[in-house]
N, C-alpha and C. Protein backbone atom coordinates (compact mmCIF):
# COMPACT_ATOMS: atom_id res chain seq x y z
N MET A 1 45.65 21.76 -30.31
CA MET A 1 44.23 21.52 -30.49
C MET A 1 43.96 21.02 -31.90
N SER A 2 44.68 21.51 -32.85
CA SER A 2 44.47 21.10 -34.23
C SER A 2 44.92 19.66 -34.46
N MET A 3 45.79 19.14 -33.61
CA MET A 3 46.26 17.77 -33.77
C MET A 3 45.23 16.76 -33.26
N LEU A 4 44.33 17.18 -32.37
CA LEU A 4 43.33 16.27 -31.84
C LEU A 4 42.22 16.00 -32.85
N LEU A 5 41.92 16.91 -33.70
CA LEU A 5 40.83 16.73 -34.66
C LEU A 5 41.10 15.58 -35.63
N PRO A 6 42.27 15.47 -36.21
CA PRO A 6 42.48 14.32 -37.10
C PRO A 6 42.38 13.00 -36.35
N GLY A 7 42.82 12.94 -35.10
CA GLY A 7 42.71 11.71 -34.31
C GLY A 7 41.26 11.36 -34.03
N ARG A 8 40.47 12.38 -33.72
CA ARG A 8 39.04 12.14 -33.48
C ARG A 8 38.34 11.71 -34.75
N ALA A 9 38.70 12.31 -35.84
CA ALA A 9 38.08 11.97 -37.11
C ALA A 9 38.43 10.53 -37.49
N THR A 10 39.66 10.13 -37.24
CA THR A 10 40.08 8.76 -37.53
C THR A 10 39.34 7.77 -36.65
N MET A 11 39.21 8.12 -35.38
CA MET A 11 38.51 7.23 -34.45
C MET A 11 37.03 7.14 -34.83
N THR A 12 36.40 8.25 -35.17
CA THR A 12 34.99 8.25 -35.57
C THR A 12 34.81 7.43 -36.83
N PHE A 13 35.72 7.59 -37.78
CA PHE A 13 35.65 6.84 -39.02
C PHE A 13 35.78 5.33 -38.75
N SER A 14 36.69 4.94 -37.87
CA SER A 14 36.87 3.51 -37.59
C SER A 14 35.65 2.93 -36.87
N VAL A 15 35.05 3.69 -35.95
CA VAL A 15 33.85 3.22 -35.26
C VAL A 15 32.71 3.05 -36.25
N LEU A 16 32.53 4.04 -37.14
CA LEU A 16 31.47 3.94 -38.15
C LEU A 16 31.73 2.78 -39.10
N SER A 17 32.97 2.53 -39.42
CA SER A 17 33.31 1.40 -40.30
C SER A 17 32.94 0.07 -39.65
N VAL A 18 33.25 -0.07 -38.38
CA VAL A 18 32.93 -1.31 -37.67
C VAL A 18 31.42 -1.50 -37.59
N VAL A 19 30.69 -0.44 -37.27
CA VAL A 19 29.22 -0.52 -37.20
C VAL A 19 28.65 -0.88 -38.56
N GLY A 20 29.15 -0.26 -39.61
CA GLY A 20 28.68 -0.57 -40.96
C GLY A 20 28.97 -2.01 -41.34
N LEU A 21 30.15 -2.48 -41.00
CA LEU A 21 30.53 -3.87 -41.30
C LEU A 21 29.61 -4.85 -40.57
N LEU A 22 29.31 -4.56 -39.31
CA LEU A 22 28.39 -5.42 -38.55
C LEU A 22 27.00 -5.42 -39.17
N LEU A 23 26.49 -4.26 -39.57
CA LEU A 23 25.17 -4.19 -40.19
C LEU A 23 25.12 -5.00 -41.48
N VAL A 24 26.14 -4.88 -42.30
CA VAL A 24 26.19 -5.62 -43.56
C VAL A 24 26.26 -7.12 -43.29
N SER A 25 27.05 -7.52 -42.29
CA SER A 25 27.17 -8.96 -42.01
C SER A 25 25.85 -9.53 -41.48
N PHE A 26 25.15 -8.77 -40.62
CA PHE A 26 23.85 -9.26 -40.13
C PHE A 26 22.82 -9.29 -41.25
N ALA A 27 22.83 -8.31 -42.11
CA ALA A 27 21.87 -8.29 -43.22
C ALA A 27 22.15 -9.43 -44.18
N SER A 28 23.41 -9.71 -44.45
CA SER A 28 23.73 -10.80 -45.37
C SER A 28 23.41 -12.16 -44.75
N GLN A 29 23.51 -12.27 -43.43
CA GLN A 29 23.15 -13.52 -42.76
C GLN A 29 21.67 -13.81 -42.96
N GLY A 30 20.84 -12.80 -42.88
CA GLY A 30 19.40 -13.00 -43.03
C GLY A 30 19.03 -13.41 -44.44
N LYS A 31 19.75 -12.93 -45.44
CA LYS A 31 19.42 -13.24 -46.83
C LYS A 31 19.96 -14.59 -47.26
N CYS A 32 21.03 -15.06 -46.63
CA CYS A 32 21.71 -16.27 -47.08
C CYS A 32 21.18 -17.55 -46.44
N GLN A 33 20.20 -17.44 -45.58
CA GLN A 33 19.72 -18.65 -44.93
C GLN A 33 18.93 -19.49 -45.93
N THR A 34 19.20 -20.79 -45.92
CA THR A 34 18.48 -21.71 -46.79
C THR A 34 17.83 -22.77 -45.93
N THR A 35 16.80 -23.37 -46.44
CA THR A 35 16.11 -24.42 -45.69
C THR A 35 16.88 -25.72 -45.87
N ALA A 36 16.84 -26.53 -44.83
CA ALA A 36 17.53 -27.82 -44.88
C ALA A 36 16.73 -28.75 -45.79
N PRO A 37 17.43 -29.63 -46.47
CA PRO A 37 16.71 -30.57 -47.34
C PRO A 37 15.86 -31.50 -46.48
N PRO A 38 14.73 -31.92 -46.98
CA PRO A 38 13.87 -32.81 -46.19
C PRO A 38 14.58 -34.14 -45.94
N PRO A 39 14.37 -34.71 -44.74
CA PRO A 39 15.03 -35.99 -44.44
C PRO A 39 14.48 -37.09 -45.35
N PRO A 40 15.33 -38.07 -45.63
CA PRO A 40 14.86 -39.15 -46.51
C PRO A 40 13.74 -39.94 -45.82
N PRO A 41 12.81 -40.48 -46.56
CA PRO A 41 11.72 -41.25 -45.94
C PRO A 41 12.27 -42.52 -45.28
N CYS A 42 11.57 -42.95 -44.23
CA CYS A 42 12.02 -44.12 -43.48
C CYS A 42 11.92 -45.40 -44.29
N SER A 43 11.05 -45.42 -45.27
CA SER A 43 10.82 -46.66 -46.03
C SER A 43 12.02 -47.07 -46.86
N ILE A 44 13.01 -46.19 -47.07
CA ILE A 44 14.18 -46.59 -47.86
C ILE A 44 15.14 -47.46 -47.06
N ASN A 45 15.02 -47.47 -45.73
CA ASN A 45 15.90 -48.29 -44.90
C ASN A 45 15.42 -49.74 -44.95
N LYS A 46 16.36 -50.65 -45.19
CA LYS A 46 15.99 -52.05 -45.39
C LYS A 46 16.37 -52.96 -44.23
N ASN A 47 17.09 -52.45 -43.22
CA ASN A 47 17.40 -53.27 -42.05
C ASN A 47 17.29 -52.41 -40.79
N CYS A 48 17.29 -53.09 -39.65
CA CYS A 48 17.09 -52.41 -38.37
C CYS A 48 18.22 -51.43 -38.08
N ASP A 49 19.46 -51.82 -38.37
CA ASP A 49 20.60 -50.96 -38.04
C ASP A 49 20.59 -49.64 -38.79
N SER A 50 20.07 -49.62 -40.00
CA SER A 50 20.01 -48.36 -40.75
C SER A 50 18.74 -47.58 -40.44
N CYS A 51 17.75 -48.24 -39.86
CA CYS A 51 16.46 -47.59 -39.59
C CYS A 51 16.42 -46.86 -38.25
N VAL A 52 16.80 -47.54 -37.18
CA VAL A 52 16.58 -46.99 -35.84
C VAL A 52 17.46 -45.81 -35.44
N PRO A 53 18.60 -45.54 -36.07
CA PRO A 53 19.32 -44.33 -35.66
C PRO A 53 18.54 -43.03 -35.92
N HIS A 54 17.59 -43.07 -36.82
CA HIS A 54 16.76 -41.90 -37.09
C HIS A 54 15.61 -41.87 -36.08
N ALA A 55 15.42 -40.74 -35.42
CA ALA A 55 14.41 -40.66 -34.36
C ALA A 55 13.00 -40.75 -34.91
N LYS A 56 12.82 -40.46 -36.19
CA LYS A 56 11.47 -40.48 -36.76
C LYS A 56 11.10 -41.85 -37.32
N CYS A 57 12.02 -42.81 -37.24
CA CYS A 57 11.78 -44.12 -37.85
C CYS A 57 11.59 -45.21 -36.81
N LEU A 58 10.80 -46.20 -37.17
CA LEU A 58 10.47 -47.33 -36.30
C LEU A 58 10.64 -48.61 -37.11
N TRP A 59 11.38 -49.57 -36.59
CA TRP A 59 11.59 -50.85 -37.27
C TRP A 59 10.67 -51.89 -36.66
N CYS A 60 10.01 -52.65 -37.51
CA CYS A 60 9.12 -53.71 -37.05
C CYS A 60 9.68 -55.05 -37.53
N PHE A 61 10.02 -55.93 -36.57
CA PHE A 61 10.55 -57.24 -36.93
C PHE A 61 9.47 -58.16 -37.48
N ALA A 62 8.22 -57.90 -37.14
CA ALA A 62 7.14 -58.76 -37.63
C ALA A 62 6.98 -58.61 -39.14
N THR A 63 7.11 -57.37 -39.63
CA THR A 63 6.94 -57.13 -41.07
C THR A 63 8.27 -56.85 -41.77
N ASN A 64 9.36 -56.74 -41.01
CA ASN A 64 10.69 -56.42 -41.56
C ASN A 64 10.67 -55.17 -42.43
N ASN A 65 10.05 -54.12 -41.92
CA ASN A 65 10.09 -52.86 -42.65
C ASN A 65 10.27 -51.69 -41.69
N CYS A 66 10.73 -50.59 -42.25
CA CYS A 66 10.96 -49.37 -41.48
C CYS A 66 9.84 -48.40 -41.83
N THR A 67 9.15 -47.91 -40.82
CA THR A 67 8.04 -46.98 -41.04
C THR A 67 8.26 -45.71 -40.23
N ASP A 68 7.50 -44.69 -40.59
CA ASP A 68 7.56 -43.45 -39.82
C ASP A 68 6.95 -43.69 -38.45
N TYR A 69 7.61 -43.15 -37.43
CA TYR A 69 7.10 -43.30 -36.06
C TYR A 69 5.84 -42.46 -35.92
N PRO A 70 4.75 -43.04 -35.44
CA PRO A 70 3.51 -42.27 -35.30
C PRO A 70 3.59 -41.30 -34.11
N VAL A 71 3.91 -40.05 -34.40
CA VAL A 71 4.13 -39.09 -33.33
C VAL A 71 2.83 -38.67 -32.65
N THR A 72 1.69 -38.98 -33.24
CA THR A 72 0.42 -38.61 -32.60
C THR A 72 0.15 -39.49 -31.39
N TRP A 73 0.72 -40.69 -31.33
CA TRP A 73 0.58 -41.57 -30.18
C TRP A 73 1.94 -41.72 -29.51
N LEU A 74 1.92 -41.93 -28.23
CA LEU A 74 3.18 -42.16 -27.52
C LEU A 74 3.74 -43.53 -27.88
N LEU A 75 2.86 -44.51 -27.95
CA LEU A 75 3.26 -45.87 -28.32
C LEU A 75 2.69 -46.19 -29.70
N PRO A 76 3.42 -46.93 -30.51
CA PRO A 76 2.87 -47.29 -31.83
C PRO A 76 1.66 -48.21 -31.66
N PRO A 77 0.63 -48.02 -32.45
CA PRO A 77 -0.55 -48.88 -32.33
C PRO A 77 -0.24 -50.31 -32.76
N ALA A 78 -1.01 -51.24 -32.24
CA ALA A 78 -0.79 -52.66 -32.56
C ALA A 78 -1.03 -52.93 -34.03
N SER A 79 -1.85 -52.12 -34.69
CA SER A 79 -2.09 -52.32 -36.12
C SER A 79 -0.83 -52.01 -36.94
N LEU A 80 0.01 -51.12 -36.42
CA LEU A 80 1.25 -50.80 -37.12
C LEU A 80 2.31 -51.87 -36.86
N CYS A 81 2.49 -52.23 -35.58
CA CYS A 81 3.47 -53.25 -35.21
C CYS A 81 3.24 -53.63 -33.75
N PRO A 82 3.28 -54.93 -33.40
CA PRO A 82 3.15 -55.31 -31.99
C PRO A 82 4.33 -54.74 -31.17
N LEU A 83 4.07 -54.39 -29.92
CA LEU A 83 5.10 -53.76 -29.09
C LEU A 83 6.32 -54.66 -28.90
N SER A 84 6.11 -55.96 -28.84
CA SER A 84 7.24 -56.87 -28.64
C SER A 84 8.13 -56.94 -29.87
N GLN A 85 7.62 -56.54 -31.04
CA GLN A 85 8.39 -56.61 -32.28
C GLN A 85 8.90 -55.24 -32.75
N ALA A 86 8.46 -54.17 -32.10
CA ALA A 86 8.83 -52.81 -32.52
C ALA A 86 10.16 -52.41 -31.89
N ARG A 87 11.00 -51.74 -32.69
CA ARG A 87 12.30 -51.26 -32.22
C ARG A 87 12.40 -49.77 -32.56
N TRP A 88 12.91 -49.00 -31.58
CA TRP A 88 13.11 -47.57 -31.80
C TRP A 88 14.34 -47.14 -31.01
N GLY A 89 15.27 -46.49 -31.64
CA GLY A 89 16.49 -46.05 -30.97
C GLY A 89 17.61 -47.06 -31.07
N VAL A 90 17.37 -48.30 -30.63
CA VAL A 90 18.35 -49.38 -30.72
C VAL A 90 17.63 -50.66 -31.12
N CYS A 91 18.35 -51.54 -31.80
CA CYS A 91 17.73 -52.77 -32.29
C CYS A 91 17.57 -53.83 -31.21
N TRP A 92 18.35 -53.79 -30.16
CA TRP A 92 18.33 -54.86 -29.17
C TRP A 92 17.29 -54.66 -28.08
N LEU A 93 16.53 -53.57 -28.11
CA LEU A 93 15.56 -53.28 -27.05
C LEU A 93 14.19 -53.05 -27.67
N ASN A 94 13.22 -53.94 -27.34
CA ASN A 94 11.88 -53.75 -27.88
C ASN A 94 11.09 -52.77 -27.02
N PHE A 95 9.92 -52.38 -27.51
CA PHE A 95 9.13 -51.37 -26.82
C PHE A 95 8.64 -51.84 -25.45
N GLU A 96 8.30 -53.11 -25.31
CA GLU A 96 7.84 -53.61 -24.01
C GLU A 96 8.94 -53.44 -22.96
N ALA A 97 10.15 -53.86 -23.31
CA ALA A 97 11.27 -53.73 -22.37
C ALA A 97 11.59 -52.26 -22.12
N LEU A 98 11.47 -51.43 -23.15
CA LEU A 98 11.71 -50.00 -23.00
C LEU A 98 10.71 -49.38 -22.03
N ILE A 99 9.45 -49.75 -22.15
CA ILE A 99 8.41 -49.23 -21.26
C ILE A 99 8.68 -49.67 -19.82
N ILE A 100 9.01 -50.95 -19.65
CA ILE A 100 9.29 -51.47 -18.31
C ILE A 100 10.51 -50.78 -17.71
N ALA A 101 11.57 -50.64 -18.51
CA ALA A 101 12.79 -49.99 -18.01
C ALA A 101 12.52 -48.53 -17.63
N LEU A 102 11.79 -47.81 -18.47
CA LEU A 102 11.46 -46.42 -18.15
C LEU A 102 10.58 -46.32 -16.91
N ALA A 103 9.64 -47.26 -16.75
CA ALA A 103 8.79 -47.25 -15.56
C ALA A 103 9.60 -47.52 -14.30
N VAL A 104 10.54 -48.45 -14.39
CA VAL A 104 11.39 -48.76 -13.23
C VAL A 104 12.26 -47.55 -12.87
N VAL A 105 12.86 -46.93 -13.88
CA VAL A 105 13.71 -45.76 -13.63
C VAL A 105 12.88 -44.62 -13.04
N ALA A 106 11.70 -44.36 -13.62
CA ALA A 106 10.85 -43.28 -13.11
C ALA A 106 10.39 -43.58 -11.69
N GLY A 107 10.01 -44.84 -11.42
CA GLY A 107 9.60 -45.22 -10.07
C GLY A 107 10.73 -45.07 -9.07
N THR A 108 11.93 -45.47 -9.47
CA THR A 108 13.09 -45.34 -8.59
C THR A 108 13.37 -43.87 -8.28
N ILE A 109 13.27 -43.03 -9.29
CA ILE A 109 13.50 -41.59 -9.08
C ILE A 109 12.45 -41.02 -8.15
N LEU A 110 11.18 -41.36 -8.38
CA LEU A 110 10.10 -40.84 -7.52
C LEU A 110 10.25 -41.32 -6.07
N ILE A 111 10.58 -42.59 -5.90
CA ILE A 111 10.77 -43.12 -4.54
C ILE A 111 11.96 -42.44 -3.88
N SER A 112 13.04 -42.24 -4.62
CA SER A 112 14.22 -41.56 -4.06
C SER A 112 13.89 -40.14 -3.63
N ILE A 113 13.15 -39.42 -4.46
CA ILE A 113 12.76 -38.05 -4.12
C ILE A 113 11.87 -38.03 -2.90
N SER A 114 10.89 -38.96 -2.83
CA SER A 114 10.00 -38.98 -1.67
C SER A 114 10.75 -39.36 -0.39
N ILE A 115 11.71 -40.28 -0.49
CA ILE A 115 12.52 -40.64 0.69
C ILE A 115 13.35 -39.45 1.14
N CYS A 116 13.94 -38.73 0.20
CA CYS A 116 14.72 -37.53 0.57
C CYS A 116 13.83 -36.50 1.24
N CYS A 117 12.63 -36.29 0.71
CA CYS A 117 11.71 -35.32 1.33
C CYS A 117 11.33 -35.77 2.73
N CYS A 118 11.03 -37.06 2.90
CA CYS A 118 10.67 -37.57 4.23
C CYS A 118 11.83 -37.41 5.20
N CYS A 119 13.04 -37.72 4.75
CA CYS A 119 14.21 -37.58 5.62
C CYS A 119 14.41 -36.13 6.04
N CYS A 120 14.25 -35.21 5.10
CA CYS A 120 14.40 -33.79 5.44
C CYS A 120 13.33 -33.35 6.43
N CYS A 121 12.09 -33.81 6.23
CA CYS A 121 11.00 -33.44 7.15
C CYS A 121 11.25 -34.04 8.53
N CYS A 122 11.67 -35.30 8.59
CA CYS A 122 11.92 -35.94 9.89
C CYS A 122 13.09 -35.27 10.60
N ARG A 123 14.10 -34.88 9.87
CA ARG A 123 15.25 -34.22 10.48
C ARG A 123 14.83 -32.88 11.07
N SER A 124 14.01 -32.14 10.36
CA SER A 124 13.57 -30.84 10.90
C SER A 124 12.61 -31.05 12.06
N ARG A 125 11.82 -32.12 12.02
CA ARG A 125 10.92 -32.42 13.14
C ARG A 125 11.70 -32.83 14.37
N ASN A 126 12.77 -33.60 14.18
CA ASN A 126 13.59 -34.03 15.32
C ASN A 126 14.36 -32.88 15.93
N SER A 127 14.69 -31.87 15.16
CA SER A 127 15.42 -30.74 15.72
C SER A 127 14.50 -29.85 16.55
N ARG A 128 13.21 -29.86 16.27
CA ARG A 128 12.27 -29.05 17.05
C ARG A 128 12.19 -29.48 18.50
N PRO A 129 12.06 -30.79 18.80
CA PRO A 129 12.04 -31.16 20.22
C PRO A 129 13.33 -30.77 20.93
N ASP A 130 14.45 -30.82 20.26
CA ASP A 130 15.70 -30.39 20.89
C ASP A 130 15.61 -28.93 21.29
N ARG A 131 15.05 -28.12 20.43
CA ARG A 131 14.88 -26.71 20.74
C ARG A 131 13.92 -26.53 21.91
N GLU A 132 12.84 -27.31 21.88
CA GLU A 132 11.87 -27.21 22.97
C GLU A 132 12.48 -27.68 24.29
N GLU A 133 13.26 -28.76 24.23
CA GLU A 133 13.92 -29.24 25.44
C GLU A 133 14.89 -28.20 25.98
N GLU A 134 15.63 -27.56 25.11
CA GLU A 134 16.55 -26.51 25.55
C GLU A 134 15.78 -25.36 26.20
N ARG A 135 14.65 -25.00 25.59
CA ARG A 135 13.85 -23.91 26.14
C ARG A 135 13.30 -24.28 27.51
N PHE A 136 12.80 -25.51 27.65
CA PHE A 136 12.29 -25.95 28.96
C PHE A 136 13.41 -26.02 29.99
N ALA A 137 14.60 -26.46 29.60
CA ALA A 137 15.73 -26.52 30.52
C ALA A 137 16.11 -25.11 30.98
N ARG A 138 16.12 -24.15 30.05
CA ARG A 138 16.41 -22.77 30.44
C ARG A 138 15.34 -22.25 31.40
N ARG A 139 14.08 -22.57 31.10
CA ARG A 139 12.99 -22.12 31.96
C ARG A 139 13.11 -22.73 33.36
N ARG A 140 13.43 -24.04 33.42
CA ARG A 140 13.61 -24.70 34.73
C ARG A 140 14.75 -24.06 35.51
N GLU A 141 15.84 -23.75 34.82
CA GLU A 141 16.99 -23.12 35.47
C GLU A 141 16.62 -21.74 35.99
N GLU A 142 15.86 -20.98 35.21
CA GLU A 142 15.42 -19.66 35.67
C GLU A 142 14.54 -19.78 36.90
N ILE A 143 13.61 -20.74 36.89
CA ILE A 143 12.72 -20.95 38.04
C ILE A 143 13.54 -21.36 39.26
N ARG A 144 14.52 -22.24 39.08
CA ARG A 144 15.36 -22.66 40.19
C ARG A 144 16.15 -21.49 40.76
N GLN A 145 16.69 -20.64 39.91
CA GLN A 145 17.45 -19.48 40.37
C GLN A 145 16.55 -18.51 41.14
N ARG A 146 15.33 -18.27 40.62
CA ARG A 146 14.41 -17.39 41.34
C ARG A 146 14.02 -17.97 42.69
N ALA A 147 13.81 -19.29 42.74
CA ALA A 147 13.47 -19.94 44.01
C ALA A 147 14.63 -19.81 45.00
N GLU A 148 15.85 -19.97 44.50
CA GLU A 148 17.03 -19.82 45.37
C GLU A 148 17.13 -18.39 45.89
N GLU A 149 16.88 -17.41 45.01
CA GLU A 149 16.92 -16.01 45.45
C GLU A 149 15.85 -15.74 46.52
N ARG A 150 14.65 -16.27 46.30
CA ARG A 150 13.57 -16.09 47.30
C ARG A 150 13.94 -16.76 48.62
N LYS A 151 14.58 -17.92 48.54
CA LYS A 151 14.98 -18.64 49.76
C LYS A 151 16.01 -17.83 50.54
N VAL A 152 17.00 -17.28 49.84
CA VAL A 152 18.02 -16.46 50.49
C VAL A 152 17.39 -15.22 51.10
N GLU A 153 16.48 -14.59 50.37
CA GLU A 153 15.80 -13.39 50.87
C GLU A 153 14.96 -13.72 52.10
N ARG A 154 14.24 -14.81 52.06
CA ARG A 154 13.42 -15.25 53.19
C ARG A 154 14.30 -15.54 54.41
N GLN A 155 15.42 -16.21 54.18
CA GLN A 155 16.35 -16.53 55.27
C GLN A 155 16.89 -15.25 55.90
N SER A 156 17.23 -14.26 55.07
CA SER A 156 17.75 -13.01 55.62
C SER A 156 16.67 -12.27 56.42
N ARG A 157 15.42 -12.31 55.97
CA ARG A 157 14.34 -11.68 56.74
C ARG A 157 14.15 -12.38 58.08
N HIS A 158 14.19 -13.70 58.07
CA HIS A 158 14.04 -14.46 59.32
C HIS A 158 15.18 -14.15 60.28
N ASP A 159 16.40 -14.07 59.75
CA ASP A 159 17.55 -13.74 60.60
C ASP A 159 17.40 -12.34 61.18
N GLU A 160 16.88 -11.43 60.38
CA GLU A 160 16.68 -10.06 60.84
C GLU A 160 15.67 -10.03 62.00
N ILE A 161 14.59 -10.78 61.84
CA ILE A 161 13.56 -10.84 62.89
C ILE A 161 14.15 -11.49 64.14
N ARG A 162 14.94 -12.52 64.00
CA ARG A 162 15.56 -13.19 65.15
C ARG A 162 16.49 -12.23 65.89
N ARG A 163 17.27 -11.45 65.14
CA ARG A 163 18.16 -10.48 65.77
C ARG A 163 17.36 -9.39 66.50
N LYS A 164 16.27 -8.97 65.88
CA LYS A 164 15.45 -7.91 66.46
C LYS A 164 14.90 -8.33 67.82
N TYR A 165 14.46 -9.55 67.94
CA TYR A 165 13.86 -10.03 69.18
C TYR A 165 14.85 -10.80 70.04
N GLY A 166 16.07 -10.82 69.68
CA GLY A 166 17.10 -11.44 70.49
C GLY A 166 17.07 -12.94 70.47
N LEU A 167 16.53 -13.50 69.47
CA LEU A 167 16.47 -14.96 69.36
C LEU A 167 17.70 -15.53 68.67
N MET A 168 18.52 -14.67 68.22
CA MET A 168 19.71 -15.11 67.51
C MET A 168 20.81 -15.35 68.52
N GLY A 169 21.38 -16.50 68.51
CA GLY A 169 22.45 -16.82 69.45
C GLY A 169 23.77 -16.31 68.95
N ASP A 170 24.69 -16.07 69.90
CA ASP A 170 26.03 -15.66 69.51
C ASP A 170 26.77 -16.87 68.99
N SER A 171 27.45 -16.66 67.95
CA SER A 171 28.17 -17.79 67.36
C SER A 171 29.46 -18.07 68.13
N ASP A 172 29.99 -17.07 68.86
CA ASP A 172 31.23 -17.30 69.61
C ASP A 172 30.96 -17.94 70.96
N HIS A 173 29.73 -18.02 71.36
CA HIS A 173 29.36 -18.62 72.64
C HIS A 173 28.37 -19.74 72.36
N PRO A 174 28.86 -20.98 72.16
CA PRO A 174 27.98 -22.07 71.73
C PRO A 174 26.97 -22.50 72.79
N TYR A 175 27.20 -22.25 74.07
CA TYR A 175 26.28 -22.72 75.10
C TYR A 175 25.33 -21.64 75.58
N SER A 176 25.16 -20.57 74.81
CA SER A 176 24.29 -19.48 75.24
C SER A 176 22.84 -19.93 75.31
N LYS A 177 22.49 -20.92 74.59
CA LYS A 177 21.13 -21.44 74.62
C LYS A 177 20.81 -22.01 76.00
N PHE A 178 21.78 -22.62 76.66
CA PHE A 178 21.54 -23.26 77.96
C PHE A 178 21.56 -22.26 79.11
N GLU A 179 22.09 -21.05 78.92
CA GLU A 179 22.15 -20.07 80.00
C GLU A 179 20.78 -19.52 80.33
N ASN A 180 19.88 -19.45 79.40
CA ASN A 180 18.55 -18.89 79.63
C ASN A 180 17.69 -19.84 80.44
N GLU A 181 18.02 -21.04 80.61
CA GLU A 181 17.19 -22.01 81.30
C GLU A 181 17.36 -21.98 82.75
């Protein structure tokens, strides 16, 4: 029993050491955070290739300058730069072409989604008549079986009545019908 205590004490000490180390590391992480330096202004870029890789910058070929992208508007105003002359992201694609390309892609996606929805709805609608047809076929079969049972029952009652009144002929004597005449 005395040998277990030093082992427990060692284990407790190691657990407390790990917890203390984690607390110190988290506390030091909070104190050591620094703010990132502000990005350089867009106006220092002198050509399209150095301007457009920055998401906040817009290159205008009409004025040959790099300006901050006006984030308050989705599209840059015409007073800043005409859409046909404005470049953002890549130099070879102007805003007009970008708008048209995005509209075509969005339209294609919407049409594809609506076609998929219509196909799924039509497929589920087409499976319903199959179920209804199966149900009607089962119902027709049940009605036919009941009619057959009633027919057999009716035939047996008629045969019983014929036997009772002697109207039933012997099957081993085919000319018994002519003997009564």
